[in-house]
Amino acid sequence: MIKTMTLPGKDELISFLKKQGLIYQDNQTDEQSEYFLERVCENTKECFLCAGKPHTLGIFVPDDSLRWGAIKGKQRIFFYSLCQKCLKLKGAAVMVENKISEFFLRKEGGS
């Protein structure tokens, strides 16, 4: 499943991630939440497909997180951004999913 929204500022991103239960929860330290936030910001600083100026925040949540390398009981979530041009591409969602898939396959293969 892929969801997108206009790329928020950092305060809006923090608010969104809190509402989703991804950061600053009782079971997390502030350091864990800040690391997660840092990773999201790093992944969204440029367009995922062409490295252009980001416009839209994308969130990929696979139907089967175990297949994507998550630990049993955990959900794999991948944040990315797209520029206006790539967002309008026919098949952009498939291209994003394929690129994410390549990343995880490469990671699992040790390359």
Protein backbone atom coordinates (compact mmCIF):
# COMPACT_ATOMS: atom_id res chain seq x y z
CA MET A 1 0.00 0.00 0.00
CA ILE A 2 1.31 3.42 -0.92
CA LYS A 3 0.01 6.67 0.54
CA THR A 4 1.13 10.18 -0.37
CA MET A 5 0.68 13.69 1.03
CA THR A 6 2.19 17.11 0.32
CA LEU A 7 5.65 17.18 1.88
CA PRO A 8 5.20 18.62 5.37
CA GLY A 9 7.59 20.82 7.32
CA LYS A 10 9.46 19.22 10.20
CA ASP A 11 6.88 20.22 12.85
CA GLU A 12 4.04 18.83 10.75
CA LEU A 13 6.04 15.66 10.11
CA ILE A 14 6.62 15.16 13.84
CA SER A 15 2.90 15.68 14.50
CA PHE A 16 1.97 13.21 11.75
CA LEU A 17 4.40 10.55 13.01
CA LYS A 18 3.14 10.97 16.58
CA LYS A 19 -0.47 10.53 15.43
CA GLN A 20 0.53 7.36 13.60
CA GLY A 21 2.14 6.03 16.78
CA LEU A 22 5.59 5.89 15.21
CA ILE A 23 7.54 8.24 17.50
CA TYR A 24 7.55 9.45 21.10
CA GLN A 25 5.49 6.55 22.40
CA ASP A 26 5.70 4.99 25.87
CA ASN A 27 7.65 2.01 24.53
CA GLN A 28 10.33 4.20 22.90
CA THR A 29 13.12 6.33 24.25
CA ASP A 30 13.48 9.88 22.94
CA GLU A 31 16.71 8.75 21.26
CA GLN A 32 14.87 6.01 19.35
CA SER A 33 12.22 8.48 18.21
CA GLU A 34 14.81 11.06 17.17
CA TYR A 35 16.76 8.42 15.23
CA PHE A 36 13.56 7.35 13.44
CA LEU A 37 12.72 10.97 12.65
CA GLU A 38 16.26 11.55 11.36
CA ARG A 39 15.95 8.52 9.05
CA VAL A 40 12.60 9.76 7.70
CA CYS A 41 14.10 13.21 7.03
CA GLU A 42 17.12 11.62 5.32
CA ASN A 43 14.90 9.46 3.10
CA THR A 44 12.75 12.42 2.04
CA LYS A 45 15.34 15.10 1.28
CA GLU A 46 15.20 14.42 -2.47
CA CYS A 47 12.92 12.69 -4.97
CA PHE A 48 13.23 8.93 -4.56
CA LEU A 49 13.07 8.32 -8.30
CA CYS A 50 15.11 11.15 -9.85
CA ALA A 51 16.85 12.94 -6.91
CA GLY A 52 15.02 16.16 -7.80
CA LYS A 53 13.44 18.67 -5.42
CA PRO A 54 10.95 16.86 -3.15
CA HIS A 55 7.29 17.82 -3.22
CA THR A 56 5.28 14.89 -1.86
CA LEU A 57 5.86 12.59 1.11
CA GLY A 58 5.20 8.96 0.29
CA ILE A 59 4.70 6.10 2.70
CA PHE A 60 5.02 2.50 1.56
CA VAL A 61 3.53 -0.09 3.91
CA PRO A 62 3.81 -3.63 2.53
CA ASP A 63 0.95 -6.05 3.04
CA ASP A 64 3.41 -8.68 4.30
CA SER A 65 6.16 -7.02 6.36
CA LEU A 66 7.94 -10.32 7.02
CA ARG A 67 8.58 -10.68 3.28
CA TRP A 68 10.21 -7.25 3.41
CA GLY A 69 12.58 -8.11 6.26
CA ALA A 70 10.60 -7.05 9.33
CA ILE A 71 10.79 -8.99 12.58
CA LYS A 72 7.66 -10.99 13.40
CA GLY A 73 5.14 -8.69 15.07
CA LYS A 74 6.69 -5.52 13.59
CA GLN A 75 5.47 -3.45 10.64
CA ARG A 76 7.90 -2.41 7.89
CA ILE A 77 7.33 1.19 6.77
CA PHE A 78 9.34 3.05 4.15
CA PHE A 79 9.16 6.84 3.81
CA TYR A 80 10.24 8.57 0.61
CA SER A 81 9.49 11.71 -1.37
CA LEU A 82 8.68 12.44 -4.99
CA CYS A 83 9.05 15.59 -7.03
CA GLN A 84 6.05 17.02 -8.87
CA LYS A 85 7.21 15.53 -12.18
CA CYS A 86 7.69 11.98 -10.88
CA LEU A 87 4.45 12.10 -8.91
CA LYS A 88 2.61 12.59 -12.23
CA LEU A 89 4.36 9.70 -13.98
CA LYS A 90 2.08 6.89 -15.06
CA GLY A 91 3.15 3.87 -13.01
CA ALA A 92 5.01 5.91 -10.37
CA ALA A 93 3.68 3.71 -7.55
CA VAL A 94 4.97 0.56 -9.27
CA MET A 95 8.34 2.21 -9.93
CA VAL A 96 8.63 3.18 -6.24
CA GLU A 97 7.70 -0.31 -5.06
CA ASN A 98 10.20 -1.87 -7.47
CA LYS A 99 12.99 0.43 -6.29
CA ILE A 100 12.19 -0.31 -2.63
CA SER A 101 12.13 -4.02 -3.44
CA GLU A 102 15.55 -3.78 -5.12
CA PHE A 103 16.91 -2.02 -2.03
CA PHE A 104 15.74 -4.77 0.32
CA LEU A 105 16.87 -7.58 -1.98
CA ARG A 106 20.32 -5.98 -2.28
CA LYS A 107 20.47 -5.53 1.51
CA GLU A 108 19.48 -9.15 2.16
CA GLY A 109 21.96 -10.40 -0.46
CA GLY A 110 24.81 -8.55 1.24
CA SER A 111 25.73 -6.45 -1.80
